[in-house]
Amino acid sequence: MSNFEFLIILYIFNFFSFLVIFVRSLLKKSPRLLIKYLFLPILITLPLSLFLQSYLSISDVSSRQLVANIFISLWCLKSFNSCNSLKKILLNHLLDGLRESILRKEFLKIIWSLLKVSSIQFICFSSLFSINYLSGYSELKMLDVLGIVVCIFGITIEFLSERELKISSNNKSRIVTTGPWNLSRHPNLVGIFLLFLGIQMLALNAVGSNWSLLGLFSLSFILFRKLLPETEKRLNLKYSEYSKYMETVPKFFTLNTK
């Protein structure tokens, strides 16, 4: 089986998984269901990729492959009860368009919208799917070790950021300025980026995986060109003191970036 055929099978499975979640949320009349389980298709596509690799004897399972799959699986599971505000922003235009298409019974437009979201999602996780095809030598190399360190660092930053948000959830009239939020206005986005950067570093030691850099570039664009500006726009409208917060705390973990 070629890499292209492997990816096509996984993409089709990912899309239909996303379609099932959408239909379920539609029947339940609950957009929150779609938001909560946005990354469930990825989570259940991973075992299929591992099964195909083993069943078709494409390659042996490597240490970097196991590490990468564990990291992303844990992150997807965590996302079911976190990142809701970010997922709402991501799906805001999609949900508005779907409501209008459903009312007008434009079923082809609904399918096209779901295909676009599923495609973007699949591309962003392409580094992991490239590892699950030809994962390379079993032993870890220096770049693998560095990638694991970056993953752990990213997960830690995101965990600490979300913990501060939960601690401050009872006081929604004030912005969170404690913990990582005292050093960066968007530590959660930085944490997500570092996690996927680490996964990409692991993927670079897989065979023929350079194409998956497209996923990291796409994710970076979504995080820092779409999510970040929209988040700041909403926070500026919600909190009068956010403009002052922007003047004192940088976007990222640097002292000269605003």
C-alpha atoms as a PDB file:
ATOM      1  CA  MET A   1       0.000   0.000   0.000  1.00  0.00           C
ATOM      2  CA  SER A   2       1.365   3.391  -0.984  1.00  0.00           C
ATOM      3  CA  ASN A   3       1.510   6.354   1.375  1.00  0.00           C
ATOM      4  CA  PHE A   4      -1.213   8.069  -0.663  1.00  0.00           C
ATOM      5  CA  GLU A   5      -3.580   5.084  -0.402  1.00  0.00           C
ATOM      6  CA  PHE A   6      -2.857   4.841   3.326  1.00  0.00           C
ATOM      7  CA  LEU A   7      -3.739   8.499   3.864  1.00  0.00           C
ATOM      8  CA  ILE A   8      -6.879   8.317   1.710  1.00  0.00           C
ATOM      9  CA  ILE A   9      -8.258   5.440   3.796  1.00  0.00           C
ATOM     10  CA  LEU A  10      -7.524   7.304   7.018  1.00  0.00           C
ATOM     11  CA  TYR A  11      -9.045  10.530   5.703  1.00  0.00           C
ATOM     12  CA  ILE A  12     -12.267   8.813   4.621  1.00  0.00           C
ATOM     13  CA  PHE A  13     -12.561   7.169   8.032  1.00  0.00           C
ATOM     14  CA  ASN A  14     -11.835  10.481   9.760  1.00  0.00           C
ATOM     15  CA  PHE A  15     -14.482  12.276   7.699  1.00  0.00           C
ATOM     16  CA  PHE A  16     -17.202   9.719   8.347  1.00  0.00           C
ATOM     17  CA  SER A  17     -16.362   9.762  12.061  1.00  0.00           C
ATOM     18  CA  PHE A  18     -16.781  13.533  12.002  1.00  0.00           C
ATOM     19  CA  LEU A  19     -20.038  13.135  10.057  1.00  0.00           C
ATOM     20  CA  VAL A  20     -21.409  10.730  12.695  1.00  0.00           C
ATOM     21  CA  ILE A  21     -20.615  13.210  15.472  1.00  0.00           C
ATOM     22  CA  PHE A  22     -22.311  15.982  13.494  1.00  0.00           C
ATOM     23  CA  VAL A  23     -25.462  13.896  12.891  1.00  0.00           C
ATOM     24  CA  ARG A  24     -25.516  12.944  16.564  1.00  0.00           C
ATOM     25  CA  SER A  25     -25.273  16.574  17.649  1.00  0.00           C
ATOM     26  CA  LEU A  26     -27.969  17.469  15.117  1.00  0.00           C
ATOM     27  CA  LEU A  27     -30.359  14.825  16.455  1.00  0.00           C
ATOM     28  CA  LYS A  28     -29.647  15.938  20.009  1.00  0.00           C
ATOM     29  CA  LYS A  29     -29.995  19.595  18.930  1.00  0.00           C
ATOM     30  CA  SER A  30     -26.764  20.262  20.786  1.00  0.00           C
ATOM     31  CA  PRO A  31     -23.900  22.089  19.023  1.00  0.00           C
ATOM     32  CA  ARG A  32     -21.970  21.590  22.274  1.00  0.00           C
ATOM     33  CA  LEU A  33     -21.645  17.916  21.391  1.00  0.00           C
ATOM     34  CA  LEU A  34     -19.818  18.772  18.178  1.00  0.00           C
ATOM     35  CA  ILE A  35     -17.613  21.261  20.007  1.00  0.00           C
ATOM     36  CA  LYS A  36     -16.782  18.845  22.829  1.00  0.00           C
ATOM     37  CA  TYR A  37     -15.849  15.926  20.569  1.00  0.00           C
ATOM     38  CA  LEU A  38     -14.179  17.932  17.802  1.00  0.00           C
ATOM     39  CA  PHE A  39     -10.990  15.844  18.014  1.00  0.00           C
ATOM     40  CA  LEU A  40     -12.664  12.463  18.572  1.00  0.00           C
ATOM     41  CA  PRO A  41     -12.320  11.536  14.861  1.00  0.00           C
ATOM     42  CA  ILE A  42      -8.544  11.897  15.183  1.00  0.00           C
ATOM     43  CA  LEU A  43      -8.500   9.814  18.354  1.00  0.00           C
ATOM     44  CA  ILE A  44     -10.342   6.904  16.736  1.00  0.00           C
ATOM     45  CA  THR A  45      -8.449   7.203  13.428  1.00  0.00           C
ATOM     46  CA  LEU A  46      -5.113   6.599  15.173  1.00  0.00           C
ATOM     47  CA  PRO A  47      -5.869   2.941  16.060  1.00  0.00           C
ATOM     48  CA  LEU A  48      -6.923   2.346  12.448  1.00  0.00           C
ATOM     49  CA  SER A  49      -3.599   3.689  11.181  1.00  0.00           C
ATOM     50  CA  LEU A  50      -1.731   1.411  13.592  1.00  0.00           C
ATOM     51  CA  PHE A  51      -3.878  -1.549  12.545  1.00  0.00           C
ATOM     52  CA  LEU A  52      -3.243  -0.934   8.837  1.00  0.00           C
ATOM     53  CA  GLN A  53       0.481  -0.588   9.445  1.00  0.00           C
ATOM     54  CA  SER A  54       0.583  -3.906  11.307  1.00  0.00           C
ATOM     55  CA  TYR A  55      -1.944  -5.878   9.223  1.00  0.00           C
ATOM     56  CA  LEU A  56      -0.392  -4.890   5.898  1.00  0.00           C
ATOM     57  CA  SER A  57       3.167  -5.236   7.275  1.00  0.00           C
ATOM     58  CA  ILE A  58       4.008  -1.719   6.123  1.00  0.00           C
ATOM     59  CA  SER A  59       6.655  -1.252   8.822  1.00  0.00           C
ATOM     60  CA  ASP A  60       7.499  -2.170  12.390  1.00  0.00           C
ATOM     61  CA  VAL A  61       6.232  -0.110  15.298  1.00  0.00           C
ATOM     62  CA  SER A  62       8.979   2.200  16.553  1.00  0.00           C
ATOM     63  CA  SER A  63       9.566   3.885  19.886  1.00  0.00           C
ATOM     64  CA  ARG A  64       9.011   7.370  18.407  1.00  0.00           C
ATOM     65  CA  GLN A  65       5.713   6.163  16.953  1.00  0.00           C
ATOM     66  CA  LEU A  66       4.467   4.908  20.333  1.00  0.00           C
ATOM     67  CA  VAL A  67       5.525   8.116  22.086  1.00  0.00           C
ATOM     68  CA  ALA A  68       3.860  10.353  19.479  1.00  0.00           C
ATOM     69  CA  ASN A  69       0.611   8.371  19.545  1.00  0.00           C
ATOM     70  CA  ILE A  70       0.481   8.452  23.344  1.00  0.00           C
ATOM     71  CA  PHE A  71       1.033  12.224  23.446  1.00  0.00           C
ATOM     72  CA  ILE A  72      -1.666  12.987  20.879  1.00  0.00           C
ATOM     73  CA  SER A  73      -4.136  10.457  22.305  1.00  0.00           C
ATOM     74  CA  LEU A  74      -3.826  12.004  25.763  1.00  0.00           C
ATOM     75  CA  TRP A  75      -4.201  15.484  24.289  1.00  0.00           C
ATOM     76  CA  CYS A  76      -7.338  14.502  22.367  1.00  0.00           C
ATOM     77  CA  LEU A  77      -8.842  12.934  25.495  1.00  0.00           C
ATOM     78  CA  LYS A  78      -8.032  16.070  27.464  1.00  0.00           C
ATOM     79  CA  SER A  79      -9.664  18.240  24.811  1.00  0.00           C
ATOM     80  CA  PHE A  80     -13.072  16.717  25.578  1.00  0.00           C
ATOM     81  CA  ASN A  81     -13.168  18.767  28.773  1.00  0.00           C
ATOM     82  CA  SER A  82     -10.946  21.707  27.842  1.00  0.00           C
ATOM     83  CA  CYS A  83     -10.156  24.162  25.042  1.00  0.00           C
ATOM     84  CA  ASN A  84     -13.906  24.828  24.676  1.00  0.00           C
ATOM     85  CA  SER A  85     -13.503  28.564  24.107  1.00  0.00           C
ATOM     86  CA  LEU A  86     -10.896  27.943  21.408  1.00  0.00           C
ATOM     87  CA  LYS A  87     -13.025  25.263  19.746  1.00  0.00           C
ATOM     88  CA  LYS A  88     -16.030  27.604  19.775  1.00  0.00           C
ATOM     89  CA  ILE A  89     -14.021  30.255  17.958  1.00  0.00           C
ATOM     90  CA  LEU A  90     -12.780  27.660  15.459  1.00  0.00           C
ATOM     91  CA  LEU A  91     -16.289  26.375  14.748  1.00  0.00           C
ATOM     92  CA  ASN A  92     -18.159  29.670  15.035  1.00  0.00           C
ATOM     93  CA  HIS A  93     -18.442  30.357  11.303  1.00  0.00           C
ATOM     94  CA  LEU A  94     -19.029  26.677  10.554  1.00  0.00           C
ATOM     95  CA  LEU A  95     -21.945  26.431  13.004  1.00  0.00           C
ATOM     96  CA  ASP A  96     -23.533  29.635  11.697  1.00  0.00           C
ATOM     97  CA  GLY A  97     -23.256  28.367   8.135  1.00  0.00           C
ATOM     98  CA  LEU A  98     -24.574  24.925   9.058  1.00  0.00           C
ATOM     99  CA  ARG A  99     -27.639  26.386  10.793  1.00  0.00           C
ATOM    100  CA  GLU A 100     -28.486  28.356   7.663  1.00  0.00           C
ATOM    101  CA  SER A 101     -27.839  25.367   5.387  1.00  0.00           C
ATOM    102  CA  ILE A 102     -29.985  23.082   7.566  1.00  0.00           C
ATOM    103  CA  LEU A 103     -32.876  25.536   7.522  1.00  0.00           C
ATOM    104  CA  ARG A 104     -32.629  25.783   3.725  1.00  0.00           C
ATOM    105  CA  LYS A 105     -32.060  22.023   3.394  1.00  0.00           C
ATOM    106  CA  GLU A 106     -28.865  22.576   1.403  1.00  0.00           C
ATOM    107  CA  PHE A 107     -27.436  19.128   2.033  1.00  0.00           C
ATOM    108  CA  LEU A 108     -24.577  19.364  -0.458  1.00  0.00           C
ATOM    109  CA  LYS A 109     -23.424  22.576   1.187  1.00  0.00           C
ATOM    110  CA  ILE A 110     -23.525  20.853   4.583  1.00  0.00           C
ATOM    111  CA  ILE A 111     -21.369  17.988   3.308  1.00  0.00           C
ATOM    112  CA  TRP A 112     -18.935  20.442   1.695  1.00  0.00           C
ATOM    113  CA  SER A 113     -18.565  22.379   4.977  1.00  0.00           C
ATOM    114  CA  LEU A 114     -17.911  19.174   6.920  1.00  0.00           C
ATOM    115  CA  LEU A 115     -15.387  18.039   4.298  1.00  0.00           C
ATOM    116  CA  LYS A 116     -13.459  21.308   4.682  1.00  0.00           C
ATOM    117  CA  VAL A 117     -13.296  21.045   8.470  1.00  0.00           C
ATOM    118  CA  SER A 118     -12.317  17.384   8.344  1.00  0.00           C
ATOM    119  CA  SER A 119      -9.612  18.140   5.756  1.00  0.00           C
ATOM    120  CA  ILE A 120      -8.097  20.949   7.822  1.00  0.00           C
ATOM    121  CA  GLN A 121      -8.160  18.756  10.916  1.00  0.00           C
ATOM    122  CA  PHE A 122      -6.509  15.860   9.068  1.00  0.00           C
ATOM    123  CA  ILE A 123      -3.784  18.105   7.640  1.00  0.00           C
ATOM    124  CA  CYS A 124      -2.962  19.577  11.064  1.00  0.00           C
ATOM    125  CA  PHE A 125      -2.364  16.060  12.426  1.00  0.00           C
ATOM    126  CA  SER A 126      -0.480  14.878   9.330  1.00  0.00           C
ATOM    127  CA  SER A 127       2.840  14.563  11.193  1.00  0.00           C
ATOM    128  CA  LEU A 128       1.362  11.779  13.305  1.00  0.00           C
ATOM    129  CA  PHE A 129      -0.129   9.933  10.332  1.00  0.00           C
ATOM    130  CA  SER A 130       3.232  10.124   8.555  1.00  0.00           C
ATOM    131  CA  ILE A 131       4.891   8.455  11.587  1.00  0.00           C
ATOM    132  CA  ASN A 132       2.247   5.721  11.523  1.00  0.00           C
ATOM    133  CA  TYR A 133       3.135   4.796   7.939  1.00  0.00           C
ATOM    134  CA  LEU A 134       6.911   4.356   7.822  1.00  0.00           C
ATOM    135  CA  SER A 135       8.059   5.156  11.333  1.00  0.00           C
ATOM    136  CA  GLY A 136      11.795   4.717  10.736  1.00  0.00           C
ATOM    137  CA  TYR A 137      14.377   2.986  12.905  1.00  0.00           C
ATOM    138  CA  SER A 138      13.119   1.794  16.278  1.00  0.00           C
ATOM    139  CA  GLU A 139      15.833   3.411  18.388  1.00  0.00           C
ATOM    140  CA  LEU A 140      15.426   7.035  19.374  1.00  0.00           C
ATOM    141  CA  LYS A 141      17.832   9.592  17.925  1.00  0.00           C
ATOM    142  CA  MET A 142      18.874  12.951  19.334  1.00  0.00           C
ATOM    143  CA  LEU A 143      16.137  14.781  17.393  1.00  0.00           C
ATOM    144  CA  ASP A 144      13.565  12.342  18.827  1.00  0.00           C
ATOM    145  CA  VAL A 145      14.705  13.014  22.387  1.00  0.00           C
ATOM    146  CA  LEU A 146      14.595  16.758  21.765  1.00  0.00           C
ATOM    147  CA  GLY A 147      11.112  16.382  20.279  1.00  0.00           C
ATOM    148  CA  ILE A 148       9.903  14.500  23.373  1.00  0.00           C
ATOM    149  CA  VAL A 149      11.280  17.254  25.620  1.00  0.00           C
ATOM    150  CA  VAL A 150       9.479  19.908  23.538  1.00  0.00           C
ATOM    151  CA  CYS A 151       6.232  17.888  23.717  1.00  0.00           C
ATOM    152  CA  ILE A 152       6.459  17.602  27.508  1.00  0.00           C
ATOM    153  CA  PHE A 153       7.253  21.307  27.797  1.00  0.00           C
ATOM    154  CA  GLY A 154       4.260  22.207  25.608  1.00  0.00           C
ATOM    155  CA  ILE A 155       1.850  19.932  27.477  1.00  0.00           C
ATOM    156  CA  THR A 156       3.050  21.343  30.810  1.00  0.00           C
ATOM    157  CA  ILE A 157       2.523  24.941  29.705  1.00  0.00           C
ATOM    158  CA  GLU A 158      -0.954  24.179  28.390  1.00  0.00           C
ATOM    159  CA  PHE A 159      -1.883  22.234  31.546  1.00  0.00           C
ATOM    160  CA  LEU A 160      -0.732  25.049  33.845  1.00  0.00           C
ATOM    161  CA  SER A 161      -2.573  27.612  31.697  1.00  0.00           C
ATOM    162  CA  GLU A 162      -5.837  25.677  31.809  1.00  0.00           C
ATOM    163  CA  ARG A 163      -5.467  25.053  35.545  1.00  0.00           C
ATOM    164  CA  GLU A 164      -5.277  28.802  36.153  1.00  0.00           C
ATOM    165  CA  LEU A 165      -8.376  29.294  34.010  1.00  0.00           C
ATOM    166  CA  LYS A 166     -10.301  26.722  36.047  1.00  0.00           C
ATOM    167  CA  ILE A 167      -9.152  28.237  39.353  1.00  0.00           C
ATOM    168  CA  SER A 168     -10.371  31.643  38.200  1.00  0.00           C
ATOM    169  CA  SER A 169     -13.564  30.339  36.577  1.00  0.00           C
ATOM    170  CA  ASN A 170     -15.710  31.515  39.500  1.00  0.00           C
ATOM    171  CA  ASN A 171     -14.713  35.109  38.865  1.00  0.00           C
ATOM    172  CA  LYS A 172     -15.603  35.738  35.220  1.00  0.00           C
ATOM    173  CA  SER A 173     -15.574  39.501  35.631  1.00  0.00           C
ATOM    174  CA  ARG A 174     -11.764  39.628  35.622  1.00  0.00           C
ATOM    175  CA  ILE A 175      -9.143  38.402  33.200  1.00  0.00           C
ATOM    176  CA  VAL A 176      -6.698  35.729  34.352  1.00  0.00           C
ATOM    177  CA  THR A 177      -3.252  37.194  35.040  1.00  0.00           C
ATOM    178  CA  THR A 178      -1.719  34.509  37.268  1.00  0.00           C
ATOM    179  CA  GLY A 179       0.647  31.639  36.497  1.00  0.00           C
ATOM    180  CA  PRO A 180       1.681  31.432  32.800  1.00  0.00           C
ATOM    181  CA  TRP A 181      -0.824  34.207  32.008  1.00  0.00           C
ATOM    182  CA  ASN A 182       1.483  36.599  33.855  1.00  0.00           C
ATOM    183  CA  LEU A 183       4.220  35.845  31.317  1.00  0.00           C
ATOM    184  CA  SER A 184       2.204  35.486  28.120  1.00  0.00           C
ATOM    185  CA  ARG A 185      -1.238  36.542  26.907  1.00  0.00           C
ATOM    186  CA  HIS A 186      -1.672  33.204  25.124  1.00  0.00           C
ATOM    187  CA  PRO A 187       0.289  30.482  26.963  1.00  0.00           C
ATOM    188  CA  ASN A 188      -2.317  27.872  26.017  1.00  0.00           C
ATOM    189  CA  LEU A 189      -1.737  28.497  22.304  1.00  0.00           C
ATOM    190  CA  VAL A 190       2.026  28.429  22.845  1.00  0.00           C
ATOM    191  CA  GLY A 191       1.670  25.108  24.668  1.00  0.00           C
ATOM    192  CA  ILE A 192      -0.377  23.587  21.833  1.00  0.00           C
ATOM    193  CA  PHE A 193       2.140  24.796  19.261  1.00  0.00           C
ATOM    194  CA  LEU A 194       5.074  23.324  21.192  1.00  0.00           C
ATOM    195  CA  LEU A 195       3.296  19.968  21.494  1.00  0.00           C
ATOM    196  CA  PHE A 196       2.779  19.752  17.741  1.00  0.00           C
ATOM    197  CA  LEU A 197       6.288  21.080  17.088  1.00  0.00           C
ATOM    198  CA  GLY A 198       7.642  18.217  19.192  1.00  0.00           C
ATOM    199  CA  ILE A 199       5.488  15.708  17.280  1.00  0.00           C
ATOM    200  CA  GLN A 200       6.834  17.145  14.022  1.00  0.00           C
ATOM    201  CA  MET A 201      10.400  16.725  15.271  1.00  0.00           C
ATOM    202  CA  LEU A 202       9.625  13.066  15.940  1.00  0.00           C
ATOM    203  CA  ALA A 203       8.083  12.764  12.466  1.00  0.00           C
ATOM    204  CA  LEU A 204      11.233  14.050  10.772  1.00  0.00           C
ATOM    205  CA  ASN A 205      12.993  10.791  11.653  1.00  0.00           C
ATOM    206  CA  ALA A 206      10.245   8.758   9.981  1.00  0.00           C
ATOM    207  CA  VAL A 207      10.748   7.741   6.342  1.00  0.00           C
ATOM    208  CA  GLY A 208       9.460  10.174   3.698  1.00  0.00           C
ATOM    209  CA  SER A 209       7.695  12.417   6.196  1.00  0.00           C
ATOM    210  CA  ASN A 210       8.926  15.847   5.096  1.00  0.00           C
ATOM    211  CA  TRP A 211       5.561  16.505   3.416  1.00  0.00           C
ATOM    212  CA  SER A 212       3.939  16.533   6.871  1.00  0.00           C
ATOM    213  CA  LEU A 213       5.576  19.919   7.591  1.00  0.00           C
ATOM    214  CA  LEU A 214       2.501  21.259   5.817  1.00  0.00           C
ATOM    215  CA  GLY A 215       0.541  20.240   8.903  1.00  0.00           C
ATOM    216  CA  LEU A 216       2.723  22.248  11.281  1.00  0.00           C
ATOM    217  CA  PHE A 217       2.564  25.311   9.003  1.00  0.00           C
ATOM    218  CA  SER A 218      -1.229  24.990   8.759  1.00  0.00           C
ATOM    219  CA  LEU A 219      -1.599  24.629  12.513  1.00  0.00           C
ATOM    220  CA  SER A 220       0.650  27.644  13.121  1.00  0.00           C
ATOM    221  CA  PHE A 221      -1.453  29.727  10.752  1.00  0.00           C
ATOM    222  CA  ILE A 222      -4.682  28.706  12.504  1.00  0.00           C
ATOM    223  CA  LEU A 223      -3.287  29.322  15.994  1.00  0.00           C
ATOM    224  CA  PHE A 224      -1.504  32.618  15.455  1.00  0.00           C
ATOM    225  CA  ARG A 225      -3.280  34.189  12.466  1.00  0.00           C
ATOM    226  CA  LYS A 226      -6.852  33.079  13.177  1.00  0.00           C
ATOM    227  CA  LEU A 227      -7.374  32.078  16.809  1.00  0.00           C
ATOM    228  CA  LEU A 228      -5.063  34.603  18.453  1.00  0.00           C
ATOM    229  CA  PRO A 229      -6.448  37.788  16.799  1.00  0.00           C
ATOM    230  CA  GLU A 230     -10.055  36.640  17.253  1.00  0.00           C
ATOM    231  CA  THR A 231      -9.433  35.788  20.907  1.00  0.00           C
ATOM    232  CA  GLU A 232      -7.892  39.188  21.592  1.00  0.00           C
ATOM    233  CA  LYS A 233     -10.751  40.920  19.806  1.00  0.00           C
ATOM    234  CA  ARG A 234     -13.329  39.165  21.988  1.00  0.00           C
ATOM    235  CA  LEU A 235     -11.412  39.755  25.200  1.00  0.00           C
ATOM    236  CA  ASN A 236     -11.037  43.446  24.385  1.00  0.00           C
ATOM    237  CA  LEU A 237     -14.797  43.724  24.003  1.00  0.00           C
ATOM    238  CA  LYS A 238     -15.491  41.731  27.174  1.00  0.00           C
ATOM    239  CA  TYR A 239     -12.925  43.223  29.581  1.00  0.00           C
ATOM    240  CA  SER A 240     -12.205  46.938  29.820  1.00  0.00           C
ATOM    241  CA  GLU A 241      -8.843  46.261  31.484  1.00  0.00           C
ATOM    242  CA  TYR A 242      -7.610  43.972  28.709  1.00  0.00           C
ATOM    243  CA  SER A 243      -5.960  46.827  26.796  1.00  0.00           C
ATOM    244  CA  LYS A 244      -3.813  47.574  29.845  1.00  0.00           C
ATOM    245  CA  TYR A 245      -3.010  43.867  30.157  1.00  0.00           C
ATOM    246  CA  MET A 246      -1.845  43.915  26.520  1.00  0.00           C
ATOM    247  CA  GLU A 247       0.560  46.742  27.318  1.00  0.00           C
ATOM    248  CA  THR A 248       2.235  44.905  30.199  1.00  0.00           C
ATOM    249  CA  VAL A 249       2.185  41.251  29.091  1.00  0.00           C
ATOM    250  CA  PRO A 250       3.600  40.054  25.730  1.00  0.00           C
ATOM    251  CA  LYS A 251       1.768  37.793  23.306  1.00  0.00           C
ATOM    252  CA  PHE A 252       4.372  35.078  23.718  1.00  0.00           C
ATOM    253  CA  PHE A 253       7.148  34.325  26.182  1.00  0.00           C
ATOM    254  CA  THR A 254       9.382  37.184  25.063  1.00  0.00           C
ATOM    255  CA  LEU A 255      10.002  40.531  26.650  1.00  0.00           C
ATOM    256  CA  ASN A 256       9.768  42.659  23.531  1.00  0.00           C
ATOM    257  CA  THR A 257       6.691  41.219  21.749  1.00  0.00           C
ATOM    258  CA  LYS A 258       3.294  42.899  22.161  1.00  0.00           C
END
